[in-house]
Every structure is written in structure tokens, then in C-alpha cells.
Amino acid sequence: MLEDESGRLRLIGSALSDEVLVTGCIIAVMGTENANGDFEVVDIKVPDLPPQSERWHASSPPSSKKVEEDEDEDMDKPEPISTGKKIAIVSGLSFSGTDAGHSLELDLLTEFLLGEALDPVTQQSVSQISRLIIAGNSIALDAEAVSHDTIGNTRKTAHKKYGYDSSAYNPAPTAHFDNFLGTILPSLPVTLIPGYTDPANVSLPQQPIHAAMFPQARAFGGMPPAAGEEKQPGWFDAVTNPWDGEIEGWKVLGTGGQNVDDVFKYVESEDRLGMMEAMCRWRCCAPTAPDTLWSYPFQDDDPFILNTCPHLFFVGSQPKFDTAMIEGPDGQMVRLIAVPRFAETGEIVLVDSETLETSVVRFAVAQAPGGTVLTP
């Protein structure tokens, strides 16, 4: 169906079989109306990637020294060279109050982020991470969590029909997550994006997780902005989902994964990078909202529309890691990253801050005859 303010029109034709389309995507079609009132499609066009700004467009690079050069000197830009600095992206930490199945992997992750892990060859620190991004689902859904005020580890049979049931609340997952952040933050800035299982509103765009949930981490948050000024991010930067920001001069767009997961409820393909590319070319990062993905009603503006093209687009809580680089009609280059769930894969994604090349570090616990062997 093609829908706008005037009404709906049923689309038919072989051209539709060559395109992956979902509800809410922005397209233009060319064709003719047949005798049955259906529109037979001959060709389909999408907006394609929006305009993309240069790196450091919205801010200044770290080095503000100006080098005077002769006018006759060749001004061609050299190829970017890796400086070793990395942006770490992790998703699906799933801190739980009842399940400690991946607690050793979380300990290894903490040591790696703090630079305490050593390269087995050089015996030197292997961590050169400049920022950690946590992309959703940091708190696990403990459906079988045991109430704290029960006796003999049995649930209460009585159910409160009205009001708040304090016995069903388990503060342990949030406390464990706060301890993790409190250990990381003195050494590394953190950007926290909420996800489906996190203590935030369900409807997109999800608002930042309230700082009251993190007694230790909130001490590293930014100062409240003065009148007429924008808020400056601190080392602990709780942001919205989706999140549009800047890191190392790159324009970054990230989500907790609900936008992609909702699309794949209705398509047969498992090409998640292909759908992420389609979202960029549709210029909409959540096309199924509000039809099948909960979102706030917006009258005059759609916050999911991409008016500018990001350099880096990542989606959290995906089944496996995958990445690709796509190019637009005007030379736009976008790095796509599907970030896997850490609780299931033990993987964290590292992005080079200069070249946007990606790598994966996997943390695993192997059972040996003499005990447990930790292998980063």
C-alpha cells in the first residue's frame, strides 16, 4: 500500500519483488493505474543517503595548532592513519540478580577496558580505548526472580490487584551495573543508551536512564547547563535511544536495537546489515514506528528522520557481529555495525577513531581439567 495524507493505493507489479520494503519507509513509485484501481509499479526510488558533513564539522580537533603552508604546496588530504585509539561498543551486558552465568566474562571485560589485560606476546597493556558506548539491554529480564520478602525461597501466592508491589522489585541488577560503571568511569568516559529491558520508558525515543538509578556513576555526570546554554556531556553521559552525537569528530547514530528487531518480525531475510543500509537510504532509522513499534506521537516533526548522514551507524543487541561500509551517490561513506549481545557471545566491538575500521574482542571461559581458564 502507498499511503499519504490523501489516502491509500494498492501497489502491484514485478518491481516490488526486487525491493525490501516495510511499513513506514519513504519511497516514490512510477507506474500506471489499472482497471481494478490498483497501481502497477514500474520503478521505485528511495531518497538515498542524506548530505554528510566533514569530520570535525561541529567541533574542533584536539590539536588547535595552525600550520602555515605555502599556497603552491599540494593540499591533497592524505589517507587516514590509525593512531591506535579505539571506541568500544558493547551491548546486552544483561546484569542480573539471579543469574551469574557470565560474571567471569564481565570481570574480564572490566580488566580489558581499564587496560589491566596484557598481550600474551608483548606482555603490555592492550587497551587504548578512548570511550565506551553501552548500546542497550544492560539489565536482564529476570522473569523468574525471587521476591525478597518471601520465606523459604517460595513466591507469595497472594497477588495485589492494585498499587505497587514492592516485593516484586529486585534492586540487585541495577546495583551490579552501577558497580561496573563506578569501576570503569574513573578511567574511561561512558555513553549509556537505554534498551528494551532497561529501566526506561518503552516508547521510542527512549529517554535517558535516570541518574538516581546509579548512585556511584552519577558523580561523573556533566554539570547542569546554565540558562541559554547547551548541556555539556560528562564522563558519564546517559543519552536517548536513538542517539545522535559526535565522537572524535565523527557524527554517530546509535540505537538499542528495537528498530531493527521489529523490522525482522515481518521479513523473511536475516540480512540485518542490509536492513540498516535500507534505513539509511530511506532516511528513517525507525520506519515501523508507530505502526508496530511503540513511539510517542509527534505532530509537526518526526525525530526518526535522518536529515544529515552519520559517519557511523550502529545497532545493539543483535544475534551476531557484522559490519560493512556503504557509499552514497555524493560520496557519503557510512560504517554500519551490528553489535552482538555480550551475555550470549562475550564479544565487544572496537572501532578505530581515525579509520573507522572495526575489530572484535571475545571473552570466553574455558573449562580445563585442573580448573577454569579465562581466555580474552
Protein backbone atom coordinates (compact mmCIF):
# COMPACT_ATOMS: atom_id res chain seq x y z
CA MET A 1 0.00 0.00 0.00
CA LEU A 2 1.13 3.53 -0.83
CA GLU A 3 -0.21 5.97 1.74
CA ASP A 4 -0.12 9.74 2.22
CA GLU A 5 -2.45 12.46 3.52
CA SER A 6 -4.92 11.90 0.67
CA GLY A 7 -5.47 8.17 1.12
CA ARG A 8 -4.17 4.70 0.26
CA LEU A 9 -3.43 2.96 -3.01
CA ARG A 10 -2.69 -0.73 -3.51
CA LEU A 11 0.61 -1.43 -5.30
CA ILE A 12 1.18 -4.38 -7.60
CA GLY A 13 3.84 -5.37 -10.12
CA SER A 14 7.05 -7.34 -10.52
CA ALA A 15 9.17 -4.35 -9.44
CA LEU A 16 8.04 -4.87 -5.85
CA SER A 17 9.72 -8.28 -5.66
CA ASP A 18 13.14 -6.70 -6.18
CA GLU A 19 12.81 -4.29 -3.25
CA VAL A 20 12.71 -4.98 0.50
CA LEU A 21 10.04 -2.65 1.84
CA VAL A 22 8.40 -2.31 5.24
CA THR A 23 5.67 -0.11 6.59
CA GLY A 24 6.77 3.48 7.11
CA CYS A 25 9.64 3.63 4.61
CA ILE A 26 9.88 6.69 2.36
CA ILE A 27 9.72 5.86 -1.35
CA ALA A 28 8.50 7.20 -4.69
CA VAL A 29 6.92 4.91 -7.30
CA MET A 30 6.33 5.29 -11.02
CA GLY A 31 3.63 3.36 -12.86
CA THR A 32 0.04 3.39 -14.05
CA GLU A 33 -3.36 2.67 -12.56
CA ASN A 34 -5.14 -0.36 -13.97
CA ALA A 35 -8.84 -1.05 -14.41
CA ASN A 36 -9.16 -2.52 -10.92
CA GLY A 37 -7.93 0.67 -9.29
CA ASP A 38 -4.53 -0.84 -8.39
CA PHE A 39 -1.26 0.95 -9.14
CA GLU A 40 1.07 -1.20 -11.26
CA VAL A 41 4.62 -0.23 -10.32
CA VAL A 42 7.28 0.12 -13.00
CA ASP A 43 10.09 1.67 -10.94
CA ILE A 44 10.81 2.52 -7.28
CA LYS A 45 13.05 5.30 -5.98
CA VAL A 46 14.24 6.00 -2.44
CA PRO A 47 15.67 9.27 -1.07
CA ASP A 48 19.15 7.68 -0.65
CA LEU A 49 21.73 8.91 1.84
CA PRO A 50 21.24 12.49 3.09
CA PRO A 51 24.00 15.11 2.92
CA GLN A 52 27.05 14.27 5.02
CA SER A 53 29.25 16.87 6.73
CA GLU A 54 33.01 16.64 7.04
CA ARG A 55 34.68 15.30 10.14
CA TRP A 56 35.10 17.88 12.93
CA HIS A 57 32.29 19.89 11.36
CA ALA A 58 30.59 20.63 14.68
CA SER A 59 33.68 20.84 16.89
CA SER A 60 37.41 21.46 16.80
CA PRO A 61 40.05 18.74 16.62
CA PRO A 62 42.15 18.11 19.74
CA SER A 63 45.18 19.91 18.30
CA SER A 64 44.39 23.59 17.72
CA LYS A 65 47.84 24.49 16.40
CA LYS A 66 47.73 26.06 12.96
CA VAL A 67 50.45 25.25 10.49
CA GLU A 68 51.22 27.87 7.86
CA GLU A 69 51.66 26.42 4.40
CA ASP A 70 52.66 27.94 1.08
CA GLU A 71 49.94 28.49 -1.47
CA ASP A 72 51.79 26.40 -4.04
CA GLU A 73 52.02 23.41 -1.69
CA ASP A 74 49.96 20.37 -2.56
CA MET A 75 46.86 20.40 -0.37
CA ASP A 76 45.65 16.86 -1.11
CA LYS A 77 44.42 15.13 2.02
CA PRO A 78 46.44 12.06 2.99
CA GLU A 79 44.81 8.77 3.75
CA PRO A 80 43.77 8.45 7.42
CA ILE A 81 46.33 6.65 9.54
CA SER A 82 45.37 4.72 12.64
CA THR A 83 46.58 6.30 15.88
CA GLY A 84 45.71 3.24 17.97
CA LYS A 85 42.82 4.91 19.81
CA LYS A 86 39.64 2.86 19.85
CA ILE A 87 35.95 3.45 20.50
CA ALA A 88 34.49 0.44 22.31
CA ILE A 89 30.85 -0.54 21.73
CA VAL A 90 29.16 -3.23 23.82
CA SER A 91 25.54 -4.27 24.11
CA GLY A 92 23.45 -6.74 26.06
CA LEU A 93 25.50 -6.83 29.27
CA SER A 94 22.38 -8.24 31.00
CA PHE A 95 23.28 -7.68 34.64
CA SER A 96 21.06 -9.96 36.68
CA GLY A 97 20.20 -10.52 40.29
CA THR A 98 19.69 -14.25 39.89
CA ASP A 99 21.92 -15.39 37.01
CA ALA A 100 25.71 -15.17 37.29
CA GLY A 101 26.44 -17.30 34.24
CA HIS A 102 28.60 -14.69 32.52
CA SER A 103 30.02 -12.87 35.56
CA LEU A 104 33.58 -14.03 34.80
CA GLU A 105 33.32 -12.62 31.27
CA LEU A 106 32.18 -9.31 32.78
CA ASP A 107 35.23 -9.31 35.04
CA LEU A 108 37.48 -9.90 32.02
CA LEU A 109 35.73 -7.09 30.19
CA THR A 110 36.36 -4.72 33.10
CA GLU A 111 40.06 -5.58 33.18
CA PHE A 112 40.32 -5.10 29.43
CA LEU A 113 38.61 -1.70 29.47
CA LEU A 114 40.82 -0.50 32.31
CA GLY A 115 43.97 -1.57 30.47
CA GLU A 116 44.82 -4.26 33.00
CA ALA A 117 44.75 -7.08 30.44
CA LEU A 118 48.14 -7.90 28.93
CA ASP A 119 49.00 -9.00 25.44
CA PRO A 120 50.20 -12.62 25.70
CA VAL A 121 53.14 -11.84 23.35
CA THR A 122 54.39 -8.41 24.40
CA GLN A 123 53.06 -8.52 27.99
CA GLN A 124 51.94 -4.91 27.56
CA SER A 125 48.56 -3.32 28.03
CA VAL A 126 46.33 -3.94 25.03
CA SER A 127 43.67 -1.33 25.83
CA GLN A 128 43.81 2.07 24.10
CA ILE A 129 40.12 2.83 24.38
CA SER A 130 39.04 6.47 24.45
CA ARG A 131 35.29 5.93 25.10
CA LEU A 132 32.90 3.11 25.93
CA ILE A 133 29.40 3.05 24.39
CA ILE A 134 26.86 0.75 26.04
CA ALA A 135 24.14 0.13 23.44
CA GLY A 136 21.10 -1.07 25.37
CA ASN A 137 19.87 -4.05 27.39
CA SER A 138 22.30 -3.60 30.27
CA ILE A 139 19.76 -5.01 32.74
CA ALA A 140 18.45 -8.55 32.27
CA LEU A 141 14.79 -9.52 32.34
CA ASP A 142 14.61 -11.72 35.43
CA ALA A 143 11.25 -13.34 34.83
CA GLU A 144 12.00 -15.94 37.48
CA ALA A 145 13.40 -13.53 40.03
CA VAL A 146 12.58 -14.49 43.61
CA SER A 147 10.85 -11.97 45.85
CA HIS A 148 12.96 -10.61 48.66
CA ASP A 149 10.39 -10.82 51.40
CA THR A 150 9.38 -14.42 50.84
CA ILE A 151 10.20 -17.27 53.19
CA GLY A 152 11.90 -20.45 52.12
CA ASN A 153 12.55 -19.19 48.56
CA THR A 154 8.87 -19.54 47.67
CA ARG A 155 6.76 -16.93 45.97
CA LYS A 156 3.75 -15.36 47.56
CA THR A 157 0.54 -16.80 46.26
CA ALA A 158 -1.39 -13.62 47.01
CA HIS A 159 -1.40 -11.11 44.19
CA LYS A 160 -2.02 -7.41 44.65
CA LYS A 161 -4.62 -6.23 42.24
CA TYR A 162 -3.97 -2.53 42.73
CA GLY A 163 -0.94 -0.48 43.67
CA TYR A 164 2.82 -1.06 43.59
CA ASP A 165 4.08 -4.45 44.73
CA SER A 166 7.44 -3.73 46.36
CA SER A 167 8.16 -7.44 46.82
CA ALA A 168 8.45 -7.89 43.05
CA TYR A 169 11.29 -5.35 42.76
CA ASN A 170 14.86 -6.66 42.73
CA PRO A 171 17.49 -3.91 43.12
CA ALA A 172 20.45 -6.27 42.62
CA PRO A 173 20.79 -5.93 38.78
CA THR A 174 20.93 -2.14 38.92
CA ALA A 175 23.37 -2.25 41.83
CA HIS A 176 25.67 -4.63 39.93
CA PHE A 177 25.52 -2.39 36.87
CA ASP A 178 26.27 0.69 38.99
CA ASN A 179 29.31 -1.07 40.48
CA PHE A 180 30.52 -1.87 36.96
CA LEU A 181 30.13 1.75 35.88
CA GLY A 182 31.72 3.03 39.08
CA THR A 183 34.79 0.89 38.35
CA ILE A 184 35.08 1.99 34.71
CA LEU A 185 34.29 5.71 34.95
CA PRO A 186 37.38 6.97 36.80
CA SER A 187 39.46 5.77 33.84
CA LEU A 188 37.12 5.86 30.85
CA PRO A 189 34.16 8.02 29.72
CA VAL A 190 30.92 6.10 29.16
CA THR A 191 27.91 6.78 26.93
CA LEU A 192 24.84 4.84 28.06
CA ILE A 193 21.99 4.15 25.63
CA PRO A 194 18.84 2.52 27.08
CA GLY A 195 17.34 -0.63 25.61
CA TYR A 196 14.17 -2.66 25.76
CA THR A 197 15.00 -4.35 29.09
CA ASP A 198 16.43 -1.27 30.81
CA PRO A 199 14.58 0.85 33.41
CA ALA A 200 13.40 3.49 30.93
CA ASN A 201 10.19 4.27 29.08
CA VAL A 202 9.20 1.68 26.48
CA SER A 203 8.10 4.07 23.72
CA LEU A 204 10.70 5.44 21.34
CA PRO A 205 12.50 7.73 21.62
CA GLN A 206 13.51 6.31 24.99
CA GLN A 207 14.63 8.95 27.45
CA PRO A 208 17.96 8.62 29.30
CA ILE A 209 18.02 6.29 32.29
CA HIS A 210 17.59 8.49 35.36
CA ALA A 211 20.77 9.25 37.27
CA ALA A 212 19.08 8.24 40.54
CA MET A 213 19.48 4.62 39.40
CA PHE A 214 23.28 4.96 39.64
CA PRO A 215 24.48 6.38 42.98
CA GLN A 216 28.14 5.79 42.10
CA ALA A 217 28.15 6.64 38.40
CA ARG A 218 26.12 9.85 38.64
CA ALA A 219 29.06 11.59 40.35
CA PHE A 220 30.77 11.57 36.94
CA GLY A 221 27.86 13.18 35.08
CA GLY A 222 28.00 16.60 33.44
CA MET A 223 27.12 19.81 35.25
CA PRO A 224 23.61 21.22 34.73
CA PRO A 225 23.61 23.76 31.89
CA ALA A 226 23.28 27.46 32.58
CA ALA A 227 20.42 29.47 31.17
CA GLY A 228 20.57 29.54 27.38
CA GLU A 229 23.49 27.09 27.17
CA GLU A 230 23.62 23.51 25.92
CA LYS A 231 24.36 20.67 28.28
CA GLN A 232 27.98 19.59 28.18
CA PRO A 233 28.45 15.81 28.38
CA GLY A 234 30.37 14.47 31.33
CA TRP A 235 32.28 11.24 31.67
CA PHE A 236 29.00 9.51 32.41
CA ASP A 237 26.69 10.54 29.59
CA ALA A 238 23.23 8.96 29.75
CA VAL A 239 21.57 9.62 26.38
CA THR A 240 18.38 8.80 24.50
CA ASN A 241 17.57 5.87 22.22
CA PRO A 242 18.05 6.55 19.30
CA TRP A 243 21.12 8.67 19.98
CA ASP A 244 22.66 11.18 17.60
CA GLY A 245 26.01 12.52 18.77
CA GLU A 246 29.63 13.16 17.95
CA ILE A 247 32.71 11.18 18.96
CA GLU A 248 36.24 12.06 17.85
CA GLY A 249 34.73 14.43 15.27
CA TRP A 250 32.59 11.70 13.66
CA LYS A 251 28.81 12.01 13.53
CA VAL A 252 27.44 8.88 15.23
CA LEU A 253 23.95 7.41 15.20
CA GLY A 254 23.16 4.51 17.51
CA THR A 255 20.13 2.61 18.75
CA GLY A 256 19.43 -0.10 21.30
CA GLY A 257 18.22 -2.48 18.59
CA GLN A 258 14.42 -2.25 18.81
CA ASN A 259 14.15 -0.62 15.38
CA VAL A 260 15.92 -3.47 13.57
CA ASP A 261 14.42 -6.25 15.71
CA ASP A 262 10.90 -5.01 14.99
CA VAL A 263 11.51 -4.98 11.22
CA PHE A 264 12.69 -8.59 11.24
CA LYS A 265 9.43 -9.77 12.75
CA TYR A 266 7.85 -9.23 9.35
CA VAL A 267 10.54 -10.07 6.77
CA GLU A 268 11.98 -13.44 5.82
CA SER A 269 15.55 -12.27 5.27
CA GLU A 270 18.20 -12.34 8.02
CA ASP A 271 20.39 -9.67 6.43
CA ARG A 272 20.46 -7.14 9.25
CA LEU A 273 23.16 -5.01 7.68
CA GLY A 274 21.05 -4.84 4.54
CA MET A 275 18.13 -3.50 6.55
CA MET A 276 20.39 -0.98 8.31
CA GLU A 277 21.57 0.19 4.89
CA ALA A 278 17.96 0.44 3.73
CA MET A 279 17.10 2.59 6.74
CA CYS A 280 19.91 4.96 5.86
CA ARG A 281 18.76 5.15 2.23
CA TRP A 282 15.14 5.62 3.32
CA ARG A 283 16.40 8.38 5.65
CA CYS A 284 14.43 6.89 8.53
CA CYS A 285 16.00 4.94 11.39
CA ALA A 286 12.70 3.57 12.76
CA PRO A 287 10.28 3.10 9.85
CA THR A 288 7.85 0.78 11.67
CA ALA A 289 7.14 3.34 14.42
CA PRO A 290 4.38 3.94 15.42
CA ASP A 291 2.61 1.17 13.44
CA THR A 292 4.20 -1.83 15.16
CA LEU A 293 6.93 -0.18 17.25
CA TRP A 294 5.73 1.95 20.15
CA SER A 295 6.63 5.63 19.90
CA TYR A 296 5.42 9.00 21.08
CA PRO A 297 3.02 10.82 18.77
CA PHE A 298 4.70 13.78 17.06
CA GLN A 299 2.54 16.30 15.27
CA ASP A 300 4.96 18.59 13.42
CA ASP A 301 8.25 16.70 13.34
CA ASP A 302 9.47 13.10 13.09
CA PRO A 303 12.61 12.57 15.20
CA PHE A 304 13.46 9.36 13.34
CA ILE A 305 14.02 11.12 10.01
CA LEU A 306 17.70 11.42 9.03
CA ASN A 307 18.33 14.98 7.88
CA THR A 308 22.10 14.51 7.88
CA CYS A 309 24.12 11.40 7.16
CA PRO A 310 26.12 9.81 10.01
CA HIS A 311 29.66 8.53 9.61
CA LEU A 312 28.96 5.63 11.98
CA PHE A 313 25.64 3.82 12.44
CA PHE A 314 25.46 1.02 14.99
CA VAL A 315 22.60 -1.08 16.35
CA GLY A 316 22.85 -3.01 19.63
CA SER A 317 21.54 -6.37 20.85
CA GLN A 318 21.91 -8.21 17.54
CA PRO A 319 22.37 -12.01 17.19
CA LYS A 320 25.92 -11.71 15.84
CA PHE A 321 28.58 -9.17 14.89
CA ASP A 322 28.59 -7.84 11.36
CA THR A 323 29.88 -4.72 9.68
CA ALA A 324 30.02 -3.06 6.27
CA MET A 325 30.86 0.25 4.65
CA ILE A 326 28.26 1.78 2.32
CA GLU A 327 28.63 4.68 -0.10
CA GLY A 328 26.11 7.28 -1.19
CA PRO A 329 25.59 8.99 -4.55
CA ASP A 330 27.57 12.08 -3.47
CA GLY A 331 30.48 10.23 -1.90
CA GLN A 332 28.95 9.73 1.54
CA MET A 333 30.60 6.91 3.48
CA VAL A 334 28.83 5.22 6.39
CA ARG A 335 30.21 2.47 8.61
CA LEU A 336 27.43 0.04 9.65
CA ILE A 337 27.91 -2.13 12.74
CA ALA A 338 25.63 -4.78 14.21
CA VAL A 339 26.72 -5.13 17.84
CA PRO A 340 26.16 -8.61 19.35
CA ARG A 341 24.74 -9.36 22.79
CA PHE A 342 27.65 -9.66 25.22
CA ALA A 343 25.80 -12.04 27.56
CA GLU A 344 25.46 -14.56 24.72
CA THR A 345 28.62 -14.04 22.67
CA GLY A 346 31.11 -12.43 25.05
CA GLU A 347 32.10 -10.03 22.26
CA ILE A 348 32.87 -6.32 22.28
CA VAL A 349 33.39 -4.21 19.14
CA LEU A 350 36.34 -1.83 18.77
CA VAL A 351 36.21 0.98 16.20
CA ASP A 352 39.38 2.80 15.15
CA SER A 353 38.91 6.50 15.88
CA GLU A 354 40.72 7.55 12.69
CA THR A 355 39.83 4.99 10.03
CA LEU A 356 36.53 3.60 11.46
CA GLU A 357 37.87 0.09 10.86
CA THR A 358 36.39 -2.46 13.24
CA SER A 359 37.66 -5.42 15.21
CA VAL A 360 36.13 -7.78 17.75
CA VAL A 361 37.48 -8.94 21.11
CA ARG A 362 35.88 -12.06 22.56
CA PHE A 363 35.97 -13.06 26.22
CA ALA A 364 35.44 -16.72 26.99
CA VAL A 365 35.73 -19.03 29.99
CA ALA A 366 37.07 -22.47 29.13
CA GLN A 367 36.74 -25.43 31.46
CA ALA A 368 40.09 -27.16 31.91
CA PRO A 369 40.76 -30.42 33.81
CA GLY A 370 42.56 -28.51 36.57
CA GLY A 371 40.03 -25.71 36.86
CA THR A 372 38.74 -22.71 34.97
CA VAL A 373 40.81 -20.93 32.33
CA LEU A 374 39.93 -17.35 31.39
CA THR A 375 40.74 -16.50 27.77
CA PRO A 376 40.34 -12.90 26.50
